[in-house]
């Protein structure tokens, strides 16, 4: 077994413990509220020494319910609105369980194409005048694409105290992350009453806090804190 895959399997076993793993097609995912949507988002940054927020980055997001080659899916399209950073991403998911099927990304000068098949990810990264790099990796669990993170969090069961591991494949670094999601609790209303819920997402670098509307499954607020820098990013739309 290649060392990379052995290490991935070892890391999986070490991280999971008694926590619930939520992979694509998990029956607990709430998919009945998927709908077309489009919005512009702006990241406002504040470092520990700043007294005011400054716009750091902005992007446009669209989610469309479409059928491609007979597959009912969700097409997620993102592109940067910040002229200093070129980013365009198209990601197609199976609507039945949010399993990614294919993705095409332009990240600055690089073009990245990905094909997903459960735990297997095939990736090609091409740079002008530098040729192409290819990888074909099978992980120890089916994966989500990192660029569907927001949709995934909106689709989790909103149950107070739920702590889950989500396997997120990072398109940029070509690696698997096993990240933690915690449903902290409802805000001023009983479960099922249509109130708002606080959900936290954590990886080794950041902690993100979302407030999600239970009825519409839309994100009401979103803030990110860097573990080392303590800098804050607040998303407004």
C-alpha atoms as a PDB file:
ATOM      1  CA  UNK A   1       0.000   0.000   0.000  1.00  0.00           C
ATOM      2  CA  UNK A   2       1.414   3.436  -0.908  1.00  0.00           C
ATOM      3  CA  UNK A   3       2.593   5.405   2.125  1.00  0.00           C
ATOM      4  CA  UNK A   4       0.178   8.259   1.361  1.00  0.00           C
ATOM      5  CA  UNK A   5      -2.857   5.971   1.458  1.00  0.00           C
ATOM      6  CA  UNK A   6      -1.628   4.159   4.569  1.00  0.00           C
ATOM      7  CA  UNK A   7      -1.181   7.496   6.325  1.00  0.00           C
ATOM      8  CA  UNK A   8      -4.662   8.641   5.238  1.00  0.00           C
ATOM      9  CA  UNK A   9      -6.175   5.460   6.665  1.00  0.00           C
ATOM     10  CA  UNK A  10      -4.221   5.838   9.901  1.00  0.00           C
ATOM     11  CA  UNK A  11      -5.326   9.464  10.219  1.00  0.00           C
ATOM     12  CA  UNK A  12      -8.941   8.480   9.634  1.00  0.00           C
ATOM     13  CA  UNK A  13      -8.856   5.898  12.404  1.00  0.00           C
ATOM     14  CA  UNK A  14      -7.133   8.284  14.804  1.00  0.00           C
ATOM     15  CA  UNK A  15      -9.557  11.140  14.197  1.00  0.00           C
ATOM     16  CA  UNK A  16     -12.856   9.324  14.120  1.00  0.00           C
ATOM     17  CA  UNK A  17     -13.022   7.723  17.553  1.00  0.00           C
ATOM     18  CA  UNK A  18     -16.663   7.689  18.607  1.00  0.00           C
ATOM     19  CA  UNK A  19     -17.659  10.626  16.414  1.00  0.00           C
ATOM     20  CA  UNK A  20     -20.155  10.200  13.608  1.00  0.00           C
ATOM     21  CA  UNK A  21     -18.784  10.238  10.075  1.00  0.00           C
ATOM     22  CA  UNK A  22     -21.114  11.837   7.543  1.00  0.00           C
ATOM     23  CA  UNK A  23     -20.077  10.829   3.996  1.00  0.00           C
ATOM     24  CA  UNK A  24     -21.868  11.581   0.724  1.00  0.00           C
ATOM     25  CA  UNK A  25     -25.245   9.823   0.377  1.00  0.00           C
ATOM     26  CA  UNK A  26     -25.621   9.638   4.165  1.00  0.00           C
ATOM     27  CA  UNK A  27     -29.351   9.178   4.950  1.00  0.00           C
ATOM     28  CA  UNK A  28     -29.242  11.860   7.656  1.00  0.00           C
ATOM     29  CA  UNK A  29     -28.650  14.635   5.100  1.00  0.00           C
ATOM     30  CA  UNK A  30     -31.634  16.962   4.670  1.00  0.00           C
ATOM     31  CA  UNK A  31     -32.022  17.475   0.911  1.00  0.00           C
ATOM     32  CA  UNK A  32     -35.686  18.415   0.598  1.00  0.00           C
ATOM     33  CA  UNK A  33     -34.947  22.154   0.716  1.00  0.00           C
ATOM     34  CA  UNK A  34     -32.462  22.282  -2.153  1.00  0.00           C
ATOM     35  CA  UNK A  35     -33.399  25.105  -4.498  1.00  0.00           C
ATOM     36  CA  UNK A  36     -31.946  27.462  -7.087  1.00  0.00           C
ATOM     37  CA  UNK A  37     -30.148  30.408  -5.562  1.00  0.00           C
ATOM     38  CA  UNK A  38     -27.671  33.132  -6.520  1.00  0.00           C
ATOM     39  CA  UNK A  39     -25.915  35.709  -4.373  1.00  0.00           C
ATOM     40  CA  UNK A  40     -22.858  37.921  -4.003  1.00  0.00           C
ATOM     41  CA  UNK A  41     -20.784  37.563  -0.837  1.00  0.00           C
ATOM     42  CA  UNK A  42     -18.211  39.891   0.695  1.00  0.00           C
ATOM     43  CA  UNK A  43     -15.544  38.928   3.243  1.00  0.00           C
ATOM     44  CA  UNK A  44     -14.775  41.672   5.756  1.00  0.00           C
ATOM     45  CA  UNK A  45     -11.462  41.189   7.571  1.00  0.00           C
ATOM     46  CA  UNK A  46     -10.330  42.468  10.963  1.00  0.00           C
ATOM     47  CA  UNK A  47      -6.989  41.596  12.536  1.00  0.00           C
ATOM     48  CA  UNK A  48      -6.404  41.749  16.319  1.00  0.00           C
ATOM     49  CA  UNK A  49      -4.848  45.211  15.860  1.00  0.00           C
ATOM     50  CA  UNK A  50      -7.573  46.623  13.602  1.00  0.00           C
ATOM     51  CA  UNK A  51     -10.350  48.840  14.925  1.00  0.00           C
ATOM     52  CA  UNK A  52     -12.519  48.526  11.805  1.00  0.00           C
ATOM     53  CA  UNK A  53     -13.314  45.879   9.208  1.00  0.00           C
ATOM     54  CA  UNK A  54     -11.985  46.072   5.649  1.00  0.00           C
ATOM     55  CA  UNK A  55     -13.223  44.213   2.588  1.00  0.00           C
ATOM     56  CA  UNK A  56     -10.831  41.359   1.880  1.00  0.00           C
ATOM     57  CA  UNK A  57     -12.486  39.317  -0.861  1.00  0.00           C
ATOM     58  CA  UNK A  58     -15.805  38.967  -2.672  1.00  0.00           C
ATOM     59  CA  UNK A  59     -17.345  36.325  -4.891  1.00  0.00           C
ATOM     60  CA  UNK A  60     -20.531  35.366  -6.709  1.00  0.00           C
ATOM     61  CA  UNK A  61     -22.217  32.020  -5.958  1.00  0.00           C
ATOM     62  CA  UNK A  62     -24.921  30.168  -7.859  1.00  0.00           C
ATOM     63  CA  UNK A  63     -26.569  26.836  -7.078  1.00  0.00           C
ATOM     64  CA  UNK A  64     -28.772  25.389  -9.815  1.00  0.00           C
ATOM     65  CA  UNK A  65     -30.860  22.221  -9.818  1.00  0.00           C
ATOM     66  CA  UNK A  66     -30.075  20.685 -13.196  1.00  0.00           C
ATOM     67  CA  UNK A  67     -30.012  17.346 -15.002  1.00  0.00           C
ATOM     68  CA  UNK A  68     -26.774  16.406 -16.770  1.00  0.00           C
ATOM     69  CA  UNK A  69     -26.418  13.148 -18.732  1.00  0.00           C
ATOM     70  CA  UNK A  70     -29.519  11.804 -17.015  1.00  0.00           C
ATOM     71  CA  UNK A  71     -28.281  12.625 -13.499  1.00  0.00           C
ATOM     72  CA  UNK A  72     -30.397  14.938 -11.346  1.00  0.00           C
ATOM     73  CA  UNK A  73     -27.865  17.144  -9.668  1.00  0.00           C
ATOM     74  CA  UNK A  74     -26.792  20.457  -8.221  1.00  0.00           C
ATOM     75  CA  UNK A  75     -24.445  22.667 -10.226  1.00  0.00           C
ATOM     76  CA  UNK A  76     -22.446  25.032  -8.000  1.00  0.00           C
ATOM     77  CA  UNK A  77     -20.707  27.887  -9.805  1.00  0.00           C
ATOM     78  CA  UNK A  78     -18.439  30.339  -7.996  1.00  0.00           C
ATOM     79  CA  UNK A  79     -16.330  33.152  -9.369  1.00  0.00           C
ATOM     80  CA  UNK A  80     -14.270  35.882  -7.791  1.00  0.00           C
ATOM     81  CA  UNK A  81     -15.460  39.494  -7.857  1.00  0.00           C
ATOM     82  CA  UNK A  82     -12.052  40.704  -6.677  1.00  0.00           C
ATOM     83  CA  UNK A  83      -9.900  41.814  -9.642  1.00  0.00           C
ATOM     84  CA  UNK A  84      -6.645  40.868  -7.921  1.00  0.00           C
ATOM     85  CA  UNK A  85      -7.621  37.204  -7.539  1.00  0.00           C
ATOM     86  CA  UNK A  86      -8.800  35.086 -10.492  1.00  0.00           C
ATOM     87  CA  UNK A  87     -10.995  32.162  -9.476  1.00  0.00           C
ATOM     88  CA  UNK A  88     -13.785  30.307 -11.290  1.00  0.00           C
ATOM     89  CA  UNK A  89     -15.181  26.955 -10.187  1.00  0.00           C
ATOM     90  CA  UNK A  90     -17.937  24.712 -11.568  1.00  0.00           C
ATOM     91  CA  UNK A  91     -18.849  21.686  -9.444  1.00  0.00           C
ATOM     92  CA  UNK A  92     -21.546  19.110 -10.251  1.00  0.00           C
ATOM     93  CA  UNK A  93     -23.084  17.001  -7.463  1.00  0.00           C
ATOM     94  CA  UNK A  94     -25.518  14.109  -7.448  1.00  0.00           C
ATOM     95  CA  UNK A  95     -28.659  15.638  -5.926  1.00  0.00           C
ATOM     96  CA  UNK A  96     -29.581  12.390  -4.144  1.00  0.00           C
ATOM     97  CA  UNK A  97     -26.682  12.555  -1.675  1.00  0.00           C
ATOM     98  CA  UNK A  98     -24.408  15.509  -2.565  1.00  0.00           C
ATOM     99  CA  UNK A  99     -21.727  13.174  -3.924  1.00  0.00           C
ATOM    100  CA  UNK A 100     -19.427  15.171  -6.231  1.00  0.00           C
ATOM    101  CA  UNK A 101     -19.110  13.857  -9.795  1.00  0.00           C
ATOM    102  CA  UNK A 102     -16.917  16.360 -11.623  1.00  0.00           C
ATOM    103  CA  UNK A 103     -15.340  19.782 -11.177  1.00  0.00           C
ATOM    104  CA  UNK A 104     -13.542  22.347 -13.322  1.00  0.00           C
ATOM    105  CA  UNK A 105     -11.565  25.126 -11.655  1.00  0.00           C
ATOM    106  CA  UNK A 106      -9.412  28.049 -12.750  1.00  0.00           C
ATOM    107  CA  UNK A 107      -7.228  29.246  -9.883  1.00  0.00           C
ATOM    108  CA  UNK A 108      -5.063  32.179 -10.931  1.00  0.00           C
ATOM    109  CA  UNK A 109      -3.069  30.697 -13.873  1.00  0.00           C
ATOM    110  CA  UNK A 110      -3.747  27.045 -13.037  1.00  0.00           C
ATOM    111  CA  UNK A 111      -6.568  24.971 -14.538  1.00  0.00           C
ATOM    112  CA  UNK A 112      -7.685  22.006 -12.396  1.00  0.00           C
ATOM    113  CA  UNK A 113     -10.092  19.308 -13.581  1.00  0.00           C
ATOM    114  CA  UNK A 114     -11.400  16.610 -11.264  1.00  0.00           C
ATOM    115  CA  UNK A 115     -13.451  13.450 -11.610  1.00  0.00           C
ATOM    116  CA  UNK A 116     -14.956  11.962  -8.442  1.00  0.00           C
ATOM    117  CA  UNK A 117     -16.116   8.385  -7.952  1.00  0.00           C
ATOM    118  CA  UNK A 118     -16.908   7.763  -4.287  1.00  0.00           C
ATOM    119  CA  UNK A 119     -13.542   7.496  -2.551  1.00  0.00           C
ATOM    120  CA  UNK A 120     -11.579   7.891  -5.795  1.00  0.00           C
ATOM    121  CA  UNK A 121     -10.424  11.290  -7.074  1.00  0.00           C
ATOM    122  CA  UNK A 122      -8.691  11.812 -10.401  1.00  0.00           C
ATOM    123  CA  UNK A 123      -7.077  15.235 -10.782  1.00  0.00           C
ATOM    124  CA  UNK A 124      -5.277  17.086 -13.568  1.00  0.00           C
ATOM    125  CA  UNK A 125      -3.568  20.409 -12.906  1.00  0.00           C
ATOM    126  CA  UNK A 126      -2.283  22.397 -15.881  1.00  0.00           C
ATOM    127  CA  UNK A 127      -0.177  25.550 -15.968  1.00  0.00           C
ATOM    128  CA  UNK A 128       0.643  27.496 -19.138  1.00  0.00           C
ATOM    129  CA  UNK A 129       4.044  26.434 -20.533  1.00  0.00           C
ATOM    130  CA  UNK A 130       4.511  23.940 -17.684  1.00  0.00           C
ATOM    131  CA  UNK A 131       2.558  20.905 -18.818  1.00  0.00           C
ATOM    132  CA  UNK A 132       0.135  18.902 -16.689  1.00  0.00           C
ATOM    133  CA  UNK A 133       0.353  17.081 -13.374  1.00  0.00           C
ATOM    134  CA  UNK A 134      -1.966  14.108 -12.836  1.00  0.00           C
ATOM    135  CA  UNK A 135      -2.947  12.136  -9.772  1.00  0.00           C
ATOM    136  CA  UNK A 136      -5.342   9.241  -9.173  1.00  0.00           C
ATOM    137  CA  UNK A 137      -6.002   8.591  -5.491  1.00  0.00           C
ATOM    138  CA  UNK A 138      -8.424   6.356  -3.643  1.00  0.00           C
ATOM    139  CA  UNK A 139      -9.040   7.364  -0.037  1.00  0.00           C
ATOM    140  CA  UNK A 140     -10.428   5.335   2.849  1.00  0.00           C
ATOM    141  CA  UNK A 141     -13.900   6.914   2.595  1.00  0.00           C
ATOM    142  CA  UNK A 142     -16.087   8.567  -0.048  1.00  0.00           C
ATOM    143  CA  UNK A 143     -15.373  12.295  -0.140  1.00  0.00           C
ATOM    144  CA  UNK A 144     -17.151  15.603  -0.474  1.00  0.00           C
ATOM    145  CA  UNK A 145     -15.554  18.367  -2.536  1.00  0.00           C
ATOM    146  CA  UNK A 146     -14.313  21.253  -0.421  1.00  0.00           C
ATOM    147  CA  UNK A 147     -16.173  23.738  -2.587  1.00  0.00           C
ATOM    148  CA  UNK A 148     -19.515  22.255  -1.527  1.00  0.00           C
ATOM    149  CA  UNK A 149     -18.768  22.866   2.162  1.00  0.00           C
ATOM    150  CA  UNK A 150     -21.432  25.538   2.610  1.00  0.00           C
ATOM    151  CA  UNK A 151     -24.163  23.433   0.973  1.00  0.00           C
ATOM    152  CA  UNK A 152     -23.117  20.425   3.057  1.00  0.00           C
ATOM    153  CA  UNK A 153     -23.373  22.363   6.328  1.00  0.00           C
ATOM    154  CA  UNK A 154     -26.822  23.631   5.369  1.00  0.00           C
ATOM    155  CA  UNK A 155     -27.893  20.030   4.722  1.00  0.00           C
ATOM    156  CA  UNK A 156     -26.775  18.464   8.008  1.00  0.00           C
ATOM    157  CA  UNK A 157     -29.376  17.388  10.585  1.00  0.00           C
ATOM    158  CA  UNK A 158     -29.858  20.271  13.023  1.00  0.00           C
ATOM    159  CA  UNK A 159     -29.712  18.319  16.269  1.00  0.00           C
ATOM    160  CA  UNK A 160     -28.267  19.965  19.368  1.00  0.00           C
ATOM    161  CA  UNK A 161     -24.990  18.366  20.385  1.00  0.00           C
ATOM    162  CA  UNK A 162     -24.401  16.609  17.074  1.00  0.00           C
ATOM    163  CA  UNK A 163     -20.681  16.320  16.392  1.00  0.00           C
ATOM    164  CA  UNK A 164     -19.659  14.823  13.088  1.00  0.00           C
ATOM    165  CA  UNK A 165     -16.604  14.282  10.924  1.00  0.00           C
ATOM    166  CA  UNK A 166     -16.960  15.283   7.272  1.00  0.00           C
ATOM    167  CA  UNK A 167     -14.424  14.019   4.689  1.00  0.00           C
ATOM    168  CA  UNK A 168     -13.569  17.033   2.517  1.00  0.00           C
ATOM    169  CA  UNK A 169     -11.262  16.719  -0.472  1.00  0.00           C
ATOM    170  CA  UNK A 170      -9.188  19.880  -0.977  1.00  0.00           C
ATOM    171  CA  UNK A 171      -9.035  20.648  -4.693  1.00  0.00           C
ATOM    172  CA  UNK A 172      -6.128  23.074  -4.371  1.00  0.00           C
ATOM    173  CA  UNK A 173      -3.782  20.902  -2.299  1.00  0.00           C
ATOM    174  CA  UNK A 174      -4.966  17.514  -3.641  1.00  0.00           C
ATOM    175  CA  UNK A 175      -5.457  16.086  -0.152  1.00  0.00           C
ATOM    176  CA  UNK A 176      -8.181  14.815   2.178  1.00  0.00           C
ATOM    177  CA  UNK A 177      -9.254  16.665   5.310  1.00  0.00           C
ATOM    178  CA  UNK A 178     -11.315  15.065   8.075  1.00  0.00           C
ATOM    179  CA  UNK A 179     -12.934  18.145   9.571  1.00  0.00           C
ATOM    180  CA  UNK A 180     -15.251  18.517  12.553  1.00  0.00           C
ATOM    181  CA  UNK A 181     -18.752  19.965  12.488  1.00  0.00           C
ATOM    182  CA  UNK A 182     -20.693  20.662  15.709  1.00  0.00           C
ATOM    183  CA  UNK A 183     -24.334  21.692  15.990  1.00  0.00           C
ATOM    184  CA  UNK A 184     -24.153  23.909  19.063  1.00  0.00           C
ATOM    185  CA  UNK A 185     -27.891  24.433  19.482  1.00  0.00           C
ATOM    186  CA  UNK A 186     -30.954  26.410  18.523  1.00  0.00           C
ATOM    187  CA  UNK A 187     -31.293  30.122  19.113  1.00  0.00           C
ATOM    188  CA  UNK A 188     -34.385  30.947  21.133  1.00  0.00           C
ATOM    189  CA  UNK A 189     -36.676  28.274  19.725  1.00  0.00           C
ATOM    190  CA  UNK A 190     -37.431  24.589  20.080  1.00  0.00           C
ATOM    191  CA  UNK A 191     -36.224  22.102  17.441  1.00  0.00           C
ATOM    192  CA  UNK A 192     -38.603  21.928  14.527  1.00  0.00           C
ATOM    193  CA  UNK A 193     -40.144  25.334  15.178  1.00  0.00           C
ATOM    194  CA  UNK A 194     -38.342  27.051  12.321  1.00  0.00           C
ATOM    195  CA  UNK A 195     -35.776  28.988  14.358  1.00  0.00           C
ATOM    196  CA  UNK A 196     -32.035  29.439  13.774  1.00  0.00           C
ATOM    197  CA  UNK A 197     -29.164  27.139  14.716  1.00  0.00           C
ATOM    198  CA  UNK A 198     -25.483  27.717  15.419  1.00  0.00           C
ATOM    199  CA  UNK A 199     -23.154  25.327  13.599  1.00  0.00           C
ATOM    200  CA  UNK A 200     -19.372  25.302  13.992  1.00  0.00           C
ATOM    201  CA  UNK A 201     -16.891  23.989  11.440  1.00  0.00           C
ATOM    202  CA  UNK A 202     -13.276  23.399  12.473  1.00  0.00           C
ATOM    203  CA  UNK A 203     -10.114  22.353  10.675  1.00  0.00           C
ATOM    204  CA  UNK A 204      -6.471  22.715  11.759  1.00  0.00           C
ATOM    205  CA  UNK A 205      -6.265  26.335  10.573  1.00  0.00           C
ATOM    206  CA  UNK A 206      -9.652  27.946  11.253  1.00  0.00           C
ATOM    207  CA  UNK A 207     -12.916  27.807  13.176  1.00  0.00           C
ATOM    208  CA  UNK A 208     -16.048  28.936  11.338  1.00  0.00           C
ATOM    209  CA  UNK A 209     -19.357  29.781  13.005  1.00  0.00           C
ATOM    210  CA  UNK A 210     -22.575  29.712  10.999  1.00  0.00           C
ATOM    211  CA  UNK A 211     -26.112  30.611  11.979  1.00  0.00           C
ATOM    212  CA  UNK A 212     -28.527  28.626   9.792  1.00  0.00           C
ATOM    213  CA  UNK A 213     -32.248  29.150   9.397  1.00  0.00           C
ATOM    214  CA  UNK A 214     -33.962  25.848  10.196  1.00  0.00           C
ATOM    215  CA  UNK A 215     -36.887  26.312   7.814  1.00  0.00           C
ATOM    216  CA  UNK A 216     -35.125  27.592   4.686  1.00  0.00           C
ATOM    217  CA  UNK A 217     -31.656  26.190   5.447  1.00  0.00           C
ATOM    218  CA  UNK A 218     -30.121  29.485   4.406  1.00  0.00           C
ATOM    219  CA  UNK A 219     -27.073  30.909   6.176  1.00  0.00           C
ATOM    220  CA  UNK A 220     -27.914  34.002   8.205  1.00  0.00           C
ATOM    221  CA  UNK A 221     -24.434  34.829   9.534  1.00  0.00           C
ATOM    222  CA  UNK A 222     -20.953  33.412   8.934  1.00  0.00           C
ATOM    223  CA  UNK A 223     -17.709  34.289  10.731  1.00  0.00           C
ATOM    224  CA  UNK A 224     -14.243  32.760  10.490  1.00  0.00           C
ATOM    225  CA  UNK A 225     -11.446  32.995  13.104  1.00  0.00           C
ATOM    226  CA  UNK A 226      -7.856  31.989  12.400  1.00  0.00           C
ATOM    227  CA  UNK A 227      -6.472  29.684  15.084  1.00  0.00           C
ATOM    228  CA  UNK A 228      -2.994  31.236  15.042  1.00  0.00           C
ATOM    229  CA  UNK A 229      -3.574  34.752  13.712  1.00  0.00           C
ATOM    230  CA  UNK A 230      -6.820  35.348  15.666  1.00  0.00           C
ATOM    231  CA  UNK A 231      -7.892  37.425  12.693  1.00  0.00           C
ATOM    232  CA  UNK A 232     -11.609  37.462  11.880  1.00  0.00           C
ATOM    233  CA  UNK A 233     -13.481  37.273   8.589  1.00  0.00           C
ATOM    234  CA  UNK A 234     -17.165  38.117   8.504  1.00  0.00           C
ATOM    235  CA  UNK A 235     -19.236  37.271   5.442  1.00  0.00           C
ATOM    236  CA  UNK A 236     -22.003  39.629   4.387  1.00  0.00           C
ATOM    237  CA  UNK A 237     -24.313  39.396   1.385  1.00  0.00           C
END
